[in-house]
Amino acid sequence: MPPHARASSDPADATTERSGGEGGGGGVQSVDRAISVLEILARTGGSSVTEVAAELGVHKSTASRLLAALEARGLVHHAADRGQYRLGFGILRLAHAIPGRLSVVTEARDEIRELARTVSETVNLAVLREGHAVNVGQEMGPSTVSTYDWIGSITPLHATASGKVLLAGLPSEDRARVLKEQGLRSYTARTVTSRKALERQLLDVAAQGYAATSEEFEIGLNSVAVPVHDHLGTVVAAISVSGPAFRFSDGTMEAVLEDLRATGERVSRRMGWVPVDGTAPRG
């Protein structure tokens, strides 16, 4: 157990101690720092008091008190032989209480609605079911004239942006099985029907974190999609923006990508995904 320290020379400590009490700014600051400690340990796999203090930018005694409090709750474990702190099993207890209560449809609803307002196109949420992409959420942008409801519709994985994101997120064995079962039917002259060409595309999708299609499933319809990850980093859904080809061109798709990525990341965070390297999730 780290020693409970002497008076600190860290000015922020004095602020925390003076403010005290519920609703004090110092209390909020302490909570924020404690969460930062957990994020540091999640990223590094283990750190010393000195390393934690350096990352937080606080005095070593402050980091020591934070770690001691987290250790008392079982959220942090002190490996005395190595002088390092790691995440404790208390984290698992908290984490296991979450997934069963999370619904990607619920968590994404407000986000895709806001995205549709921002990009003025149709936004869909799709999940993988029995070898197909199934649309489970949809929001129309203010300039969208089509009233077609895609919710509940089943679309091919290899010919849609959402489908390619979902395919790219599968383990290679599962992907091979799905493609063998479903085949690569041609829907338009632009549909990718070569397994080798599709696999190359999926490698790009996984690397860049998004997929785009131009009239591959339906003439006149273009789409771009990003993945949604859960607490394990698994791709559990795809969020897409689609629109008519005459308006939603390659350049337009590129223009909406930043907002689309940000939406995918926010929904992923709501599903429990935590970045370990400061980057956005990839397929």
C-alpha atoms as a PDB file:
ATOM      1  CA  MET A   1       0.000   0.000   0.000  1.00  0.00           C
ATOM      2  CA  PRO A   2       1.496   3.383  -0.907  1.00  0.00           C
ATOM      3  CA  PRO A   3       2.160   5.719   2.017  1.00  0.00           C
ATOM      4  CA  HIS A   4      -0.458   8.331   2.798  1.00  0.00           C
ATOM      5  CA  ALA A   5       1.460  11.387   2.199  1.00  0.00           C
ATOM      6  CA  ARG A   6       2.701  14.437   3.843  1.00  0.00           C
ATOM      7  CA  ALA A   7       1.508  17.863   2.770  1.00  0.00           C
ATOM      8  CA  SER A   8       1.740  18.121  -0.987  1.00  0.00           C
ATOM      9  CA  SER A   9       3.528  20.791  -2.940  1.00  0.00           C
ATOM     10  CA  ASP A  10       1.083  20.290  -5.812  1.00  0.00           C
ATOM     11  CA  PRO A  11      -1.055  23.482  -5.966  1.00  0.00           C
ATOM     12  CA  ALA A  12      -3.966  21.471  -7.333  1.00  0.00           C
ATOM     13  CA  ASP A  13      -3.964  19.377  -4.143  1.00  0.00           C
ATOM     14  CA  ALA A  14      -4.475  22.465  -2.057  1.00  0.00           C
ATOM     15  CA  THR A  15      -7.382  23.475  -4.269  1.00  0.00           C
ATOM     16  CA  THR A  16      -8.940  20.037  -3.871  1.00  0.00           C
ATOM     17  CA  GLU A  17      -8.534  20.042  -0.091  1.00  0.00           C
ATOM     18  CA  ARG A  18      -9.918  23.572   0.317  1.00  0.00           C
ATOM     19  CA  SER A  19     -12.979  23.030  -1.864  1.00  0.00           C
ATOM     20  CA  GLY A  20     -13.940  19.668  -0.276  1.00  0.00           C
ATOM     21  CA  GLY A  21     -17.552  18.712   0.207  1.00  0.00           C
ATOM     22  CA  GLU A  22     -20.174  17.669  -2.259  1.00  0.00           C
ATOM     23  CA  GLY A  23     -20.379  19.781  -5.350  1.00  0.00           C
ATOM     24  CA  GLY A  24     -16.928  21.251  -4.772  1.00  0.00           C
ATOM     25  CA  GLY A  25     -14.814  21.709  -7.859  1.00  0.00           C
ATOM     26  CA  GLY A  26     -12.029  19.710  -6.203  1.00  0.00           C
ATOM     27  CA  GLY A  27     -14.293  16.683  -5.890  1.00  0.00           C
ATOM     28  CA  VAL A  28     -15.003  16.739  -9.599  1.00  0.00           C
ATOM     29  CA  GLN A  29     -11.303  17.164 -10.303  1.00  0.00           C
ATOM     30  CA  SER A  30     -10.478  14.138  -8.141  1.00  0.00           C
ATOM     31  CA  VAL A  31     -13.033  12.002  -9.973  1.00  0.00           C
ATOM     32  CA  ASP A  32     -11.644  13.139 -13.307  1.00  0.00           C
ATOM     33  CA  ARG A  33      -8.118  12.286 -12.205  1.00  0.00           C
ATOM     34  CA  ALA A  34      -9.165   8.874 -10.887  1.00  0.00           C
ATOM     35  CA  ILE A  35     -10.753   8.057 -14.239  1.00  0.00           C
ATOM     36  CA  SER A  36      -7.602   9.254 -15.988  1.00  0.00           C
ATOM     37  CA  VAL A  37      -5.559   6.866 -13.826  1.00  0.00           C
ATOM     38  CA  LEU A  38      -7.748   3.937 -14.909  1.00  0.00           C
ATOM     39  CA  GLU A  39      -7.377   4.956 -18.550  1.00  0.00           C
ATOM     40  CA  ILE A  40      -3.589   5.175 -18.172  1.00  0.00           C
ATOM     41  CA  LEU A  41      -3.405   1.684 -16.658  1.00  0.00           C
ATOM     42  CA  ALA A  42      -5.713   0.317 -19.366  1.00  0.00           C
ATOM     43  CA  ARG A  43      -3.431   1.740 -22.029  1.00  0.00           C
ATOM     44  CA  THR A  44      -0.076   0.794 -20.505  1.00  0.00           C
ATOM     45  CA  GLY A  45      -0.970  -2.500 -18.857  1.00  0.00           C
ATOM     46  CA  GLY A  46       0.844  -1.359 -15.715  1.00  0.00           C
ATOM     47  CA  SER A  47       2.584   1.763 -14.419  1.00  0.00           C
ATOM     48  CA  SER A  48       4.479   2.941 -11.360  1.00  0.00           C
ATOM     49  CA  VAL A  49       3.377   5.823  -9.143  1.00  0.00           C
ATOM     50  CA  THR A  50       6.042   7.999 -10.750  1.00  0.00           C
ATOM     51  CA  GLU A  51       4.833   7.166 -14.268  1.00  0.00           C
ATOM     52  CA  VAL A  52       1.195   7.832 -13.378  1.00  0.00           C
ATOM     53  CA  ALA A  53       2.114  11.155 -11.762  1.00  0.00           C
ATOM     54  CA  ALA A  54       4.078  12.178 -14.853  1.00  0.00           C
ATOM     55  CA  GLU A  55       1.185  11.369 -17.191  1.00  0.00           C
ATOM     56  CA  LEU A  56      -1.308  13.227 -15.002  1.00  0.00           C
ATOM     57  CA  GLY A  57       1.052  16.151 -14.478  1.00  0.00           C
ATOM     58  CA  VAL A  58       0.641  16.033 -10.684  1.00  0.00           C
ATOM     59  CA  HIS A  59       2.850  15.527  -7.637  1.00  0.00           C
ATOM     60  CA  LYS A  60       3.800  11.936  -6.860  1.00  0.00           C
ATOM     61  CA  SER A  61       1.906  12.081  -3.541  1.00  0.00           C
ATOM     62  CA  THR A  62      -1.306  12.973  -5.390  1.00  0.00           C
ATOM     63  CA  ALA A  63      -0.930  10.006  -7.718  1.00  0.00           C
ATOM     64  CA  SER A  64      -0.179   7.800  -4.704  1.00  0.00           C
ATOM     65  CA  ARG A  65      -3.414   8.821  -2.951  1.00  0.00           C
ATOM     66  CA  LEU A  66      -5.472   8.273  -6.102  1.00  0.00           C
ATOM     67  CA  LEU A  67      -4.005   4.809  -6.602  1.00  0.00           C
ATOM     68  CA  ALA A  68      -4.564   3.926  -2.938  1.00  0.00           C
ATOM     69  CA  ALA A  69      -8.238   4.924  -3.160  1.00  0.00           C
ATOM     70  CA  LEU A  70      -8.733   2.903  -6.340  1.00  0.00           C
ATOM     71  CA  GLU A  71      -6.916  -0.066  -4.817  1.00  0.00           C
ATOM     72  CA  ALA A  72      -9.196   0.044  -1.770  1.00  0.00           C
ATOM     73  CA  ARG A  73     -12.154  -0.373  -4.133  1.00  0.00           C
ATOM     74  CA  GLY A  74     -10.550  -3.252  -5.996  1.00  0.00           C
ATOM     75  CA  LEU A  75     -10.299  -1.230  -9.199  1.00  0.00           C
ATOM     76  CA  VAL A  76      -6.510  -1.242  -9.105  1.00  0.00           C
ATOM     77  CA  HIS A  77      -4.047  -3.925  -8.013  1.00  0.00           C
ATOM     78  CA  HIS A  78      -0.559  -3.187  -6.677  1.00  0.00           C
ATOM     79  CA  ALA A  79       2.073  -5.692  -7.767  1.00  0.00           C
ATOM     80  CA  ALA A  80       4.527  -5.010  -4.949  1.00  0.00           C
ATOM     81  CA  ASP A  81       7.282  -7.131  -6.449  1.00  0.00           C
ATOM     82  CA  ARG A  82       7.369  -4.939  -9.549  1.00  0.00           C
ATOM     83  CA  GLY A  83       6.317  -1.664  -7.989  1.00  0.00           C
ATOM     84  CA  GLN A  84       3.583  -1.311 -10.603  1.00  0.00           C
ATOM     85  CA  TYR A  85      -0.160  -0.824 -10.520  1.00  0.00           C
ATOM     86  CA  ARG A  86      -2.514  -2.657 -12.829  1.00  0.00           C
ATOM     87  CA  LEU A  87      -6.263  -2.698 -13.318  1.00  0.00           C
ATOM     88  CA  GLY A  88      -7.965  -4.828 -10.659  1.00  0.00           C
ATOM     89  CA  PHE A  89     -10.757  -7.369 -10.879  1.00  0.00           C
ATOM     90  CA  GLY A  90     -13.228  -4.760  -9.650  1.00  0.00           C
ATOM     91  CA  ILE A  91     -13.157  -3.374 -13.188  1.00  0.00           C
ATOM     92  CA  LEU A  92     -14.502  -6.690 -14.484  1.00  0.00           C
ATOM     93  CA  ARG A  93     -17.339  -6.596 -11.972  1.00  0.00           C
ATOM     94  CA  LEU A  94     -18.409  -3.203 -13.284  1.00  0.00           C
ATOM     95  CA  ALA A  95     -17.845  -4.109 -16.924  1.00  0.00           C
ATOM     96  CA  HIS A  96     -19.898  -7.295 -16.735  1.00  0.00           C
ATOM     97  CA  ALA A  97     -22.904  -5.306 -15.538  1.00  0.00           C
ATOM     98  CA  ILE A  98     -23.028  -3.262 -18.737  1.00  0.00           C
ATOM     99  CA  PRO A  99     -23.189  -5.302 -21.989  1.00  0.00           C
ATOM    100  CA  GLY A 100     -26.499  -7.023 -21.290  1.00  0.00           C
ATOM    101  CA  ARG A 101     -28.135  -3.638 -20.778  1.00  0.00           C
ATOM    102  CA  LEU A 102     -26.788  -2.044 -23.924  1.00  0.00           C
ATOM    103  CA  SER A 103     -28.706  -1.940 -27.171  1.00  0.00           C
ATOM    104  CA  VAL A 104     -26.924  -0.559 -30.196  1.00  0.00           C
ATOM    105  CA  VAL A 105     -30.254   0.690 -31.572  1.00  0.00           C
ATOM    106  CA  THR A 106     -30.947   2.652 -28.393  1.00  0.00           C
ATOM    107  CA  GLU A 107     -27.410   3.952 -28.034  1.00  0.00           C
ATOM    108  CA  ALA A 108     -27.229   5.055 -31.678  1.00  0.00           C
ATOM    109  CA  ARG A 109     -30.675   6.614 -32.051  1.00  0.00           C
ATOM    110  CA  ASP A 110     -29.885  10.205 -31.065  1.00  0.00           C
ATOM    111  CA  GLU A 111     -26.504  10.119 -32.769  1.00  0.00           C
ATOM    112  CA  ILE A 112     -27.774   9.024 -36.176  1.00  0.00           C
ATOM    113  CA  ARG A 113     -30.621  11.531 -35.943  1.00  0.00           C
ATOM    114  CA  GLU A 114     -28.129  14.336 -35.382  1.00  0.00           C
ATOM    115  CA  LEU A 115     -25.882  13.042 -38.168  1.00  0.00           C
ATOM    116  CA  ALA A 116     -28.807  13.020 -40.609  1.00  0.00           C
ATOM    117  CA  ARG A 117     -29.515  16.666 -39.741  1.00  0.00           C
ATOM    118  CA  THR A 118     -25.865  17.561 -40.216  1.00  0.00           C
ATOM    119  CA  VAL A 119     -25.246  15.853 -43.566  1.00  0.00           C
ATOM    120  CA  SER A 120     -28.799  16.229 -44.941  1.00  0.00           C
ATOM    121  CA  GLU A 121     -28.878  12.646 -46.214  1.00  0.00           C
ATOM    122  CA  THR A 122     -30.322   9.323 -45.083  1.00  0.00           C
ATOM    123  CA  VAL A 123     -28.461   7.610 -42.240  1.00  0.00           C
ATOM    124  CA  ASN A 124     -28.903   3.907 -41.524  1.00  0.00           C
ATOM    125  CA  LEU A 125     -27.784   1.595 -38.738  1.00  0.00           C
ATOM    126  CA  ALA A 126     -27.188  -2.023 -39.774  1.00  0.00           C
ATOM    127  CA  VAL A 127     -26.220  -5.226 -37.966  1.00  0.00           C
ATOM    128  CA  LEU A 128     -25.066  -8.627 -39.200  1.00  0.00           C
ATOM    129  CA  ARG A 129     -27.729 -11.332 -39.113  1.00  0.00           C
ATOM    130  CA  GLU A 130     -27.598 -14.720 -40.840  1.00  0.00           C
ATOM    131  CA  GLY A 131     -25.176 -13.641 -43.522  1.00  0.00           C
ATOM    132  CA  HIS A 132     -26.863 -10.339 -44.390  1.00  0.00           C
ATOM    133  CA  ALA A 133     -26.814  -6.711 -43.314  1.00  0.00           C
ATOM    134  CA  VAL A 134     -30.113  -5.937 -41.589  1.00  0.00           C
ATOM    135  CA  ASN A 135     -31.100  -2.295 -41.187  1.00  0.00           C
ATOM    136  CA  VAL A 136     -32.319  -1.687 -37.644  1.00  0.00           C
ATOM    137  CA  GLY A 137     -32.337   2.108 -37.549  1.00  0.00           C
ATOM    138  CA  GLN A 138     -32.892   4.970 -39.982  1.00  0.00           C
ATOM    139  CA  GLU A 139     -33.049   8.749 -39.939  1.00  0.00           C
ATOM    140  CA  MET A 140     -33.834  11.048 -42.867  1.00  0.00           C
ATOM    141  CA  GLY A 141     -31.971  14.283 -43.481  1.00  0.00           C
ATOM    142  CA  PRO A 142     -33.953  17.523 -43.940  1.00  0.00           C
ATOM    143  CA  SER A 143     -33.305  17.605 -47.690  1.00  0.00           C
ATOM    144  CA  THR A 144     -34.135  13.937 -48.273  1.00  0.00           C
ATOM    145  CA  VAL A 145     -37.100  13.584 -50.599  1.00  0.00           C
ATOM    146  CA  SER A 146     -37.339   9.789 -50.580  1.00  0.00           C
ATOM    147  CA  THR A 147     -39.658   8.286 -47.980  1.00  0.00           C
ATOM    148  CA  TYR A 148     -38.467   4.703 -48.457  1.00  0.00           C
ATOM    149  CA  ASP A 149     -38.174   2.951 -45.103  1.00  0.00           C
ATOM    150  CA  TRP A 150     -35.101   0.716 -44.957  1.00  0.00           C
ATOM    151  CA  ILE A 151     -35.734  -0.480 -41.388  1.00  0.00           C
ATOM    152  CA  GLY A 152     -35.998  -4.254 -41.383  1.00  0.00           C
ATOM    153  CA  SER A 153     -34.680  -4.549 -44.917  1.00  0.00           C
ATOM    154  CA  ILE A 154     -32.065  -7.218 -45.641  1.00  0.00           C
ATOM    155  CA  THR A 155     -29.187  -6.249 -47.921  1.00  0.00           C
ATOM    156  CA  PRO A 156     -26.156  -8.163 -49.250  1.00  0.00           C
ATOM    157  CA  LEU A 157     -22.889  -7.821 -47.396  1.00  0.00           C
ATOM    158  CA  HIS A 158     -20.644  -7.700 -50.457  1.00  0.00           C
ATOM    159  CA  ALA A 159     -22.575  -5.000 -52.341  1.00  0.00           C
ATOM    160  CA  THR A 160     -23.266  -2.390 -49.650  1.00  0.00           C
ATOM    161  CA  ALA A 161     -21.033  -0.072 -47.640  1.00  0.00           C
ATOM    162  CA  SER A 162     -22.513  -1.258 -44.336  1.00  0.00           C
ATOM    163  CA  GLY A 163     -22.145  -4.857 -45.432  1.00  0.00           C
ATOM    164  CA  LYS A 164     -18.481  -4.420 -46.302  1.00  0.00           C
ATOM    165  CA  VAL A 165     -17.810  -2.838 -42.914  1.00  0.00           C
ATOM    166  CA  LEU A 166     -19.508  -5.775 -41.193  1.00  0.00           C
ATOM    167  CA  LEU A 167     -17.619  -8.285 -43.350  1.00  0.00           C
ATOM    168  CA  ALA A 168     -14.289  -6.584 -42.688  1.00  0.00           C
ATOM    169  CA  GLY A 169     -14.927  -6.869 -38.956  1.00  0.00           C
ATOM    170  CA  LEU A 170     -15.369 -10.645 -39.035  1.00  0.00           C
ATOM    171  CA  PRO A 171     -12.601 -13.136 -38.261  1.00  0.00           C
ATOM    172  CA  SER A 172     -11.282 -14.547 -41.550  1.00  0.00           C
ATOM    173  CA  GLU A 173     -12.809 -17.992 -40.937  1.00  0.00           C
ATOM    174  CA  ASP A 174     -16.280 -16.555 -40.310  1.00  0.00           C
ATOM    175  CA  ARG A 175     -15.984 -14.255 -43.316  1.00  0.00           C
ATOM    176  CA  ALA A 176     -15.016 -17.163 -45.571  1.00  0.00           C
ATOM    177  CA  ARG A 177     -17.983 -19.189 -44.330  1.00  0.00           C
ATOM    178  CA  VAL A 178     -20.462 -16.342 -44.873  1.00  0.00           C
ATOM    179  CA  LEU A 179     -19.201 -15.601 -48.375  1.00  0.00           C
ATOM    180  CA  LYS A 180     -19.318 -19.272 -49.310  1.00  0.00           C
ATOM    181  CA  GLU A 181     -22.897 -19.578 -48.055  1.00  0.00           C
ATOM    182  CA  GLN A 182     -24.194 -16.351 -49.598  1.00  0.00           C
ATOM    183  CA  GLY A 183     -22.158 -16.147 -52.795  1.00  0.00           C
ATOM    184  CA  LEU A 184     -21.362 -12.953 -54.681  1.00  0.00           C
ATOM    185  CA  ARG A 185     -24.467 -12.194 -56.686  1.00  0.00           C
ATOM    186  CA  SER A 186     -24.318  -9.339 -59.191  1.00  0.00           C
ATOM    187  CA  TYR A 187     -26.866  -6.565 -58.579  1.00  0.00           C
ATOM    188  CA  THR A 188     -25.498  -3.968 -60.986  1.00  0.00           C
ATOM    189  CA  ALA A 189     -22.602  -3.743 -63.413  1.00  0.00           C
ATOM    190  CA  ARG A 190     -20.537  -2.313 -60.536  1.00  0.00           C
ATOM    191  CA  THR A 191     -21.106  -5.112 -58.020  1.00  0.00           C
ATOM    192  CA  VAL A 192     -17.875  -6.808 -56.975  1.00  0.00           C
ATOM    193  CA  THR A 193     -18.284 -10.491 -57.826  1.00  0.00           C
ATOM    194  CA  SER A 194     -14.653 -11.600 -57.598  1.00  0.00           C
ATOM    195  CA  ARG A 195     -13.750 -13.102 -54.226  1.00  0.00           C
ATOM    196  CA  LYS A 196     -10.134 -12.020 -54.608  1.00  0.00           C
ATOM    197  CA  ALA A 197     -11.107  -8.433 -55.456  1.00  0.00           C
ATOM    198  CA  LEU A 198     -13.552  -8.318 -52.550  1.00  0.00           C
ATOM    199  CA  GLU A 199     -10.942  -9.577 -50.092  1.00  0.00           C
ATOM    200  CA  ARG A 200      -8.581  -6.819 -51.247  1.00  0.00           C
ATOM    201  CA  GLN A 201     -11.321  -4.259 -50.680  1.00  0.00           C
ATOM    202  CA  LEU A 202     -12.035  -5.624 -47.204  1.00  0.00           C
ATOM    203  CA  LEU A 203      -8.380  -5.299 -46.238  1.00  0.00           C
ATOM    204  CA  ASP A 204      -8.592  -1.627 -47.216  1.00  0.00           C
ATOM    205  CA  VAL A 205     -11.844  -1.216 -45.278  1.00  0.00           C
ATOM    206  CA  ALA A 206     -10.292  -2.692 -42.135  1.00  0.00           C
ATOM    207  CA  ALA A 207      -7.197  -0.508 -42.492  1.00  0.00           C
ATOM    208  CA  GLN A 208      -8.946   2.796 -43.233  1.00  0.00           C
ATOM    209  CA  GLY A 209     -11.970   2.274 -40.992  1.00  0.00           C
ATOM    210  CA  TYR A 210     -14.704   2.889 -43.560  1.00  0.00           C
ATOM    211  CA  ALA A 211     -16.244   1.520 -46.764  1.00  0.00           C
ATOM    212  CA  ALA A 212     -17.749   3.351 -49.726  1.00  0.00           C
ATOM    213  CA  THR A 213     -19.859   1.999 -52.576  1.00  0.00           C
ATOM    214  CA  SER A 214     -21.006   3.638 -55.803  1.00  0.00           C
ATOM    215  CA  GLU A 215     -24.085   2.071 -57.374  1.00  0.00           C
ATOM    216  CA  GLU A 216     -23.006  -1.474 -56.436  1.00  0.00           C
ATOM    217  CA  PHE A 217     -26.344  -2.563 -54.975  1.00  0.00           C
ATOM    218  CA  GLU A 218     -28.759  -0.214 -56.677  1.00  0.00           C
ATOM    219  CA  ILE A 219     -28.323   2.043 -59.710  1.00  0.00           C
ATOM    220  CA  GLY A 220     -28.256   5.669 -58.621  1.00  0.00           C
ATOM    221  CA  LEU A 221     -27.468   4.966 -54.952  1.00  0.00           C
ATOM    222  CA  ASN A 222     -24.125   5.699 -53.280  1.00  0.00           C
ATOM    223  CA  SER A 223     -23.156   5.050 -49.673  1.00  0.00           C
ATOM    224  CA  VAL A 224     -20.337   5.314 -47.147  1.00  0.00           C
ATOM    225  CA  ALA A 225     -20.216   3.492 -43.791  1.00  0.00           C
ATOM    226  CA  VAL A 226     -18.135   3.158 -40.615  1.00  0.00           C
ATOM    227  CA  PRO A 227     -18.090   0.493 -37.897  1.00  0.00           C
ATOM    228  CA  VAL A 228     -19.524   0.549 -34.379  1.00  0.00           C
ATOM    229  CA  HIS A 229     -17.460  -1.366 -31.807  1.00  0.00           C
ATOM    230  CA  ASP A 230     -18.498  -2.804 -28.453  1.00  0.00           C
ATOM    231  CA  HIS A 231     -16.575  -3.037 -25.171  1.00  0.00           C
ATOM    232  CA  LEU A 232     -14.470  -5.883 -26.577  1.00  0.00           C
ATOM    233  CA  GLY A 233     -13.584  -4.000 -29.752  1.00  0.00           C
ATOM    234  CA  THR A 234     -15.831  -6.246 -31.840  1.00  0.00           C
ATOM    235  CA  VAL A 235     -17.661  -4.705 -34.800  1.00  0.00           C
ATOM    236  CA  VAL A 236     -21.331  -4.968 -33.785  1.00  0.00           C
ATOM    237  CA  ALA A 237     -22.941  -2.595 -36.284  1.00  0.00           C
ATOM    238  CA  ALA A 238     -22.324  -0.191 -39.143  1.00  0.00           C
ATOM    239  CA  ILE A 239     -23.556   3.368 -39.599  1.00  0.00           C
ATOM    240  CA  SER A 240     -23.977   4.527 -43.176  1.00  0.00           C
ATOM    241  CA  VAL A 241     -24.840   7.707 -45.007  1.00  0.00           C
ATOM    242  CA  SER A 242     -26.438   7.201 -48.409  1.00  0.00           C
ATOM    243  CA  GLY A 243     -27.900   9.355 -51.118  1.00  0.00           C
ATOM    244  CA  PRO A 244     -28.633   9.609 -54.831  1.00  0.00           C
ATOM    245  CA  ALA A 245     -25.519   9.350 -56.995  1.00  0.00           C
ATOM    246  CA  PHE A 246     -26.157  12.676 -58.759  1.00  0.00           C
ATOM    247  CA  ARG A 247     -25.959  14.470 -55.399  1.00  0.00           C
ATOM    248  CA  PHE A 248     -23.990  12.104 -53.174  1.00  0.00           C
ATOM    249  CA  SER A 249     -20.857  11.821 -55.296  1.00  0.00           C
ATOM    250  CA  ASP A 250     -17.394  10.603 -54.321  1.00  0.00           C
ATOM    251  CA  GLY A 251     -16.462  14.122 -53.278  1.00  0.00           C
ATOM    252  CA  THR A 252     -19.578  14.498 -51.155  1.00  0.00           C
ATOM    253  CA  MET A 253     -18.980  11.134 -49.505  1.00  0.00           C
ATOM    254  CA  GLU A 254     -15.485  12.259 -48.586  1.00  0.00           C
ATOM    255  CA  ALA A 255     -16.881  15.500 -47.171  1.00  0.00           C
ATOM    256  CA  VAL A 256     -19.270  13.723 -44.775  1.00  0.00           C
ATOM    257  CA  LEU A 257     -16.686  11.187 -43.649  1.00  0.00           C
ATOM    258  CA  GLU A 258     -15.368  13.249 -40.736  1.00  0.00           C
ATOM    259  CA  ASP A 259     -18.847  13.643 -39.218  1.00  0.00           C
ATOM    260  CA  LEU A 260     -19.637   9.996 -39.925  1.00  0.00           C
ATOM    261  CA  ARG A 261     -16.437   8.816 -38.239  1.00  0.00           C
ATOM    262  CA  ALA A 262     -17.137  10.984 -35.202  1.00  0.00           C
ATOM    263  CA  THR A 263     -20.641   9.532 -34.930  1.00  0.00           C
ATOM    264  CA  GLY A 264     -19.318   5.979 -35.158  1.00  0.00           C
ATOM    265  CA  GLU A 265     -16.795   6.714 -32.433  1.00  0.00           C
ATOM    266  CA  ARG A 266     -19.392   8.256 -30.103  1.00  0.00           C
ATOM    267  CA  VAL A 267     -21.760   5.309 -30.498  1.00  0.00           C
ATOM    268  CA  SER A 268     -18.831   2.920 -29.974  1.00  0.00           C
ATOM    269  CA  ARG A 269     -17.987   4.698 -26.732  1.00  0.00           C
ATOM    270  CA  ARG A 270     -21.599   4.384 -25.627  1.00  0.00           C
ATOM    271  CA  MET A 271     -21.318   0.663 -26.314  1.00  0.00           C
ATOM    272  CA  GLY A 272     -18.336   0.472 -23.975  1.00  0.00           C
ATOM    273  CA  TRP A 273     -15.483   0.795 -26.466  1.00  0.00           C
ATOM    274  CA  VAL A 274     -12.446   2.532 -24.998  1.00  0.00           C
ATOM    275  CA  PRO A 275      -9.560   3.632 -27.226  1.00  0.00           C
ATOM    276  CA  VAL A 276      -6.244   2.294 -25.973  1.00  0.00           C
ATOM    277  CA  ASP A 277      -3.986   4.308 -28.248  1.00  0.00           C
ATOM    278  CA  GLY A 278      -5.867   7.554 -28.780  1.00  0.00           C
ATOM    279  CA  THR A 279      -7.080   6.570 -32.243  1.00  0.00           C
ATOM    280  CA  ALA A 280     -10.571   6.140 -33.610  1.00  0.00           C
ATOM    281  CA  PRO A 281     -11.863   2.583 -33.954  1.00  0.00           C
ATOM    282  CA  ARG A 282     -11.087   0.723 -37.147  1.00  0.00           C
ATOM    283  CA  GLY A 283     -12.929  -2.023 -38.894  1.00  0.00           C
END
